[in-house]
Amino acid sequence: MKNFVTAMMVVAIATPAYAQMSPNLAGPGAKLKTDVDVQQEQERESGFKSGLSKIPDSKAKVDPWGNVRSAPAPSNQTQARPAPK
């Protein structure tokens, strides 16, 4: 029974480690890209870049909490302390 529990502990520890190992993605069965695949990828990339260029730049920062915060104190004036009594 003790051997069974030990074996189950080893399996429980080894399973997450095995799941993190990547399969041979660039191994002997790797598919090489054809000229058509390369051309389609370049077309997708150029379409993506042209779509990004059509997005307008943001004009100003949006402050959703701006109406909750108090106005910042002017930096050139110092705050007066009340006189001690």
N, C-alpha and C. Protein backbone atom coordinates (compact mmCIF):
# COMPACT_ATOMS: atom_id res chain seq x y z
N MET A 1 0.82 -1.19 0.00
CA MET A 1 0.00 0.00 0.00
C MET A 1 0.87 1.26 0.00
N LYS A 2 1.97 1.20 0.74
CA LYS A 2 2.87 2.35 0.81
C LYS A 2 3.51 2.59 -0.56
N ASN A 3 3.84 1.54 -1.28
CA ASN A 3 4.41 1.68 -2.62
C ASN A 3 3.40 2.29 -3.59
N PHE A 4 2.15 1.92 -3.44
CA PHE A 4 1.10 2.46 -4.30
C PHE A 4 0.94 3.96 -4.07
N VAL A 5 0.94 4.39 -2.82
CA VAL A 5 0.80 5.80 -2.49
C VAL A 5 2.01 6.58 -3.01
N THR A 6 3.19 6.01 -2.89
CA THR A 6 4.40 6.66 -3.39
C THR A 6 4.34 6.80 -4.91
N ALA A 7 3.88 5.76 -5.58
CA ALA A 7 3.76 5.82 -7.04
C ALA A 7 2.75 6.86 -7.47
N MET A 8 1.66 6.97 -6.75
CA MET A 8 0.63 7.97 -7.09
C MET A 8 1.17 9.40 -6.84
N MET A 9 1.98 9.57 -5.82
CA MET A 9 2.59 10.88 -5.56
C MET A 9 3.53 11.27 -6.71
N VAL A 10 4.31 10.33 -7.18
CA VAL A 10 5.23 10.59 -8.29
C VAL A 10 4.45 10.95 -9.55
N VAL A 11 3.38 10.22 -9.81
CA VAL A 11 2.55 10.50 -10.98
C VAL A 11 1.91 11.87 -10.86
N ALA A 12 1.42 12.22 -9.66
CA ALA A 12 0.76 13.51 -9.46
C ALA A 12 1.75 14.66 -9.64
N ILE A 13 2.99 14.46 -9.25
CA ILE A 13 4.00 15.50 -9.41
C ILE A 13 4.49 15.59 -10.85
N ALA A 14 4.60 14.46 -11.53
CA ALA A 14 5.15 14.42 -12.88
C ALA A 14 4.15 14.89 -13.94
N THR A 15 2.86 14.78 -13.69
CA THR A 15 1.86 15.13 -14.70
C THR A 15 1.92 16.61 -15.08
N PRO A 16 1.95 17.57 -14.15
CA PRO A 16 2.05 18.97 -14.58
C PRO A 16 3.35 19.27 -15.32
N ALA A 17 4.42 18.63 -14.92
CA ALA A 17 5.70 18.86 -15.59
C ALA A 17 5.65 18.32 -17.02
N TYR A 18 5.01 17.20 -17.22
CA TYR A 18 4.89 16.63 -18.56
C TYR A 18 4.01 17.51 -19.43
N ALA A 19 3.00 18.13 -18.86
CA ALA A 19 2.09 18.98 -19.63
C ALA A 19 2.78 20.24 -20.13
N GLN A 20 3.84 20.68 -19.45
CA GLN A 20 4.54 21.88 -19.85
C GLN A 20 5.54 21.64 -20.97
N MET A 21 5.87 20.39 -21.23
CA MET A 21 6.82 20.09 -22.30
C MET A 21 6.15 20.31 -23.65
N SER A 22 6.83 20.99 -24.55
CA SER A 22 6.24 21.26 -25.86
C SER A 22 6.58 20.11 -26.81
N PRO A 23 5.66 19.80 -27.68
CA PRO A 23 5.96 18.76 -28.67
C PRO A 23 6.96 19.29 -29.69
N ASN A 24 7.48 18.41 -30.49
CA ASN A 24 8.46 18.81 -31.51
C ASN A 24 7.73 19.56 -32.62
N LEU A 25 7.64 20.87 -32.49
CA LEU A 25 6.95 21.66 -33.49
C LEU A 25 7.77 21.81 -34.76
N ALA A 26 9.08 21.88 -34.63
CA ALA A 26 9.94 22.03 -35.79
C ALA A 26 10.70 20.74 -36.05
N GLY A 27 10.11 19.64 -35.69
CA GLY A 27 10.77 18.34 -35.84
C GLY A 27 10.73 17.85 -37.27
N PRO A 28 10.94 16.58 -37.46
CA PRO A 28 11.00 16.02 -38.82
C PRO A 28 9.68 16.12 -39.58
N GLY A 29 8.57 16.23 -38.90
CA GLY A 29 7.27 16.31 -39.57
C GLY A 29 6.82 17.74 -39.80
N ALA A 30 7.72 18.71 -39.66
CA ALA A 30 7.35 20.11 -39.81
C ALA A 30 7.01 20.42 -41.27
N LYS A 31 5.96 21.21 -41.45
CA LYS A 31 5.52 21.57 -42.79
C LYS A 31 6.24 22.84 -43.23
N LEU A 32 6.86 22.82 -44.39
CA LEU A 32 7.53 23.98 -44.94
C LEU A 32 6.51 24.86 -45.65
N LYS A 33 6.72 26.16 -45.61
CA LYS A 33 5.81 27.09 -46.26
C LYS A 33 6.09 27.13 -47.75
N THR A 34 5.02 27.15 -48.53
CA THR A 34 5.15 27.27 -49.97
C THR A 34 5.13 28.75 -50.34
N ASP A 35 5.37 29.03 -51.61
CA ASP A 35 5.35 30.42 -52.08
C ASP A 35 3.96 31.03 -51.89
N VAL A 36 2.93 30.23 -52.08
CA VAL A 36 1.56 30.72 -51.91
C VAL A 36 1.31 31.08 -50.45
N ASP A 37 1.78 30.23 -49.55
CA ASP A 37 1.61 30.50 -48.12
C ASP A 37 2.34 31.78 -47.71
N VAL A 38 3.54 31.97 -48.21
CA VAL A 38 4.32 33.17 -47.90
C VAL A 38 3.61 34.40 -48.45
N GLN A 39 3.08 34.31 -49.65
CA GLN A 39 2.39 35.45 -50.26
C GLN A 39 1.12 35.79 -49.47
N GLN A 40 0.36 34.77 -49.07
CA GLN A 40 -0.85 35.02 -48.29
C GLN A 40 -0.52 35.65 -46.95
N GLU A 41 0.56 35.21 -46.33
CA GLU A 41 0.98 35.78 -45.05
C GLU A 41 1.37 37.25 -45.21
N GLN A 42 2.07 37.58 -46.30
CA GLN A 42 2.45 38.97 -46.56
C GLN A 42 1.23 39.84 -46.81
N GLU A 43 0.22 39.29 -47.51
CA GLU A 43 -1.01 40.04 -47.76
C GLU A 43 -1.76 40.30 -46.46
N ARG A 44 -1.82 39.30 -45.58
CA ARG A 44 -2.47 39.48 -44.29
C ARG A 44 -1.73 40.54 -43.46
N GLU A 45 -0.41 40.48 -43.50
CA GLU A 45 0.39 41.43 -42.74
C GLU A 45 0.19 42.85 -43.27
N SER A 46 0.17 43.02 -44.58
CA SER A 46 -0.03 44.36 -45.15
C SER A 46 -1.44 44.86 -44.85
N GLY A 47 -2.43 43.98 -44.88
CA GLY A 47 -3.79 44.36 -44.52
C GLY A 47 -3.89 44.78 -43.07
N PHE A 48 -3.19 44.09 -42.20
CA PHE A 48 -3.17 44.43 -40.79
C PHE A 48 -2.54 45.80 -40.58
N LYS A 49 -1.43 46.06 -41.24
CA LYS A 49 -0.74 47.34 -41.08
C LYS A 49 -1.58 48.48 -41.65
N SER A 50 -2.26 48.25 -42.77
CA SER A 50 -3.09 49.31 -43.32
C SER A 50 -4.30 49.57 -42.42
N GLY A 51 -4.82 48.53 -41.78
CA GLY A 51 -5.91 48.71 -40.84
C GLY A 51 -5.47 49.50 -39.62
N LEU A 52 -4.26 49.25 -39.15
CA LEU A 52 -3.74 50.01 -38.01
C LEU A 52 -3.55 51.47 -38.35
N SER A 53 -3.16 51.75 -39.59
CA SER A 53 -2.93 53.14 -39.97
C SER A 53 -4.25 53.91 -40.06
N LYS A 54 -5.38 53.24 -40.20
CA LYS A 54 -6.67 53.91 -40.30
C LYS A 54 -7.25 54.27 -38.93
N ILE A 55 -6.68 53.73 -37.86
CA ILE A 55 -7.18 54.03 -36.52
C ILE A 55 -6.69 55.42 -36.13
N PRO A 56 -7.61 56.31 -35.76
CA PRO A 56 -7.18 57.67 -35.41
C PRO A 56 -6.47 57.68 -34.06
N ASP A 57 -5.56 58.65 -33.91
CA ASP A 57 -4.86 58.81 -32.64
C ASP A 57 -5.81 59.44 -31.63
N SER A 58 -5.63 59.09 -30.37
CA SER A 58 -6.47 59.68 -29.34
C SER A 58 -6.06 61.14 -29.14
N LYS A 59 -7.03 61.99 -29.01
CA LYS A 59 -6.77 63.42 -28.92
C LYS A 59 -6.32 63.81 -27.50
N ALA A 60 -7.00 63.32 -26.49
CA ALA A 60 -6.67 63.69 -25.12
C ALA A 60 -6.87 62.48 -24.23
N LYS A 61 -6.21 62.52 -23.10
CA LYS A 61 -6.38 61.43 -22.15
C LYS A 61 -7.76 61.52 -21.52
N VAL A 62 -8.38 60.39 -21.33
CA VAL A 62 -9.68 60.33 -20.70
C VAL A 62 -9.46 60.01 -19.23
N ASP A 63 -10.05 60.82 -18.36
CA ASP A 63 -9.94 60.61 -16.93
C ASP A 63 -11.34 60.33 -16.38
N PRO A 64 -11.71 59.06 -16.25
CA PRO A 64 -13.06 58.75 -15.79
C PRO A 64 -13.32 59.18 -14.35
N TRP A 65 -12.29 59.36 -13.55
CA TRP A 65 -12.45 59.78 -12.17
C TRP A 65 -12.21 61.28 -12.00
N GLY A 66 -12.14 62.01 -13.08
CA GLY A 66 -11.83 63.43 -13.01
C GLY A 66 -12.84 64.24 -12.24
N ASN A 67 -14.13 63.91 -12.34
CA ASN A 67 -15.14 64.69 -11.63
C ASN A 67 -15.21 64.30 -10.15
N VAL A 68 -14.57 63.22 -9.75
CA VAL A 68 -14.57 62.80 -8.36
C VAL A 68 -13.44 63.48 -7.60
N ARG A 69 -12.31 63.64 -8.24
CA ARG A 69 -11.15 64.24 -7.61
C ARG A 69 -11.33 65.74 -7.47
N SER A 70 -10.71 66.30 -6.42
CA SER A 70 -10.74 67.75 -6.28
C SER A 70 -9.68 68.34 -7.21
N ALA A 71 -9.82 69.60 -7.47
CA ALA A 71 -8.87 70.28 -8.37
C ALA A 71 -7.51 70.32 -7.70
N PRO A 72 -6.43 70.10 -8.45
CA PRO A 72 -5.10 70.14 -7.84
C PRO A 72 -4.76 71.56 -7.37
N ALA A 73 -4.04 71.64 -6.28
CA ALA A 73 -3.65 72.94 -5.73
C ALA A 73 -2.64 73.59 -6.66
N PRO A 74 -2.69 74.90 -6.82
CA PRO A 74 -1.70 75.59 -7.65
C PRO A 74 -0.31 75.37 -7.07
N SER A 75 0.64 75.12 -7.94
CA SER A 75 1.98 74.79 -7.48
C SER A 75 2.78 76.00 -7.03
N ASN A 76 2.42 77.22 -7.45
CA ASN A 76 3.21 78.40 -7.09
C ASN A 76 2.78 79.01 -5.77
N GLN A 77 1.70 78.57 -5.18
CA GLN A 77 1.25 79.10 -3.91
C GLN A 77 1.45 78.04 -2.83
N THR A 78 1.79 78.50 -1.65
CA THR A 78 1.93 77.58 -0.53
C THR A 78 0.67 77.65 0.31
N GLN A 79 0.33 76.58 0.94
CA GLN A 79 -0.87 76.56 1.77
C GLN A 79 -0.56 77.20 3.11
N ALA A 80 -1.41 78.09 3.55
CA ALA A 80 -1.22 78.78 4.84
C ALA A 80 -1.71 77.89 5.96
N ARG A 81 -0.92 77.81 7.01
CA ARG A 81 -1.31 77.04 8.18
C ARG A 81 -2.03 77.96 9.15
N PRO A 82 -2.98 77.42 9.86
CA PRO A 82 -3.65 78.27 10.85
C PRO A 82 -2.68 78.62 12.00
N ALA A 83 -2.85 79.80 12.52
CA ALA A 83 -1.98 80.25 13.61
C ALA A 83 -2.25 79.45 14.86
N PRO A 84 -1.22 79.06 15.60
CA PRO A 84 -1.44 78.32 16.84
C PRO A 84 -2.11 79.21 17.89
N LYS A 85 -2.92 78.62 18.73
CA LYS A 85 -3.66 79.39 19.74
C LYS A 85 -2.96 79.38 21.05
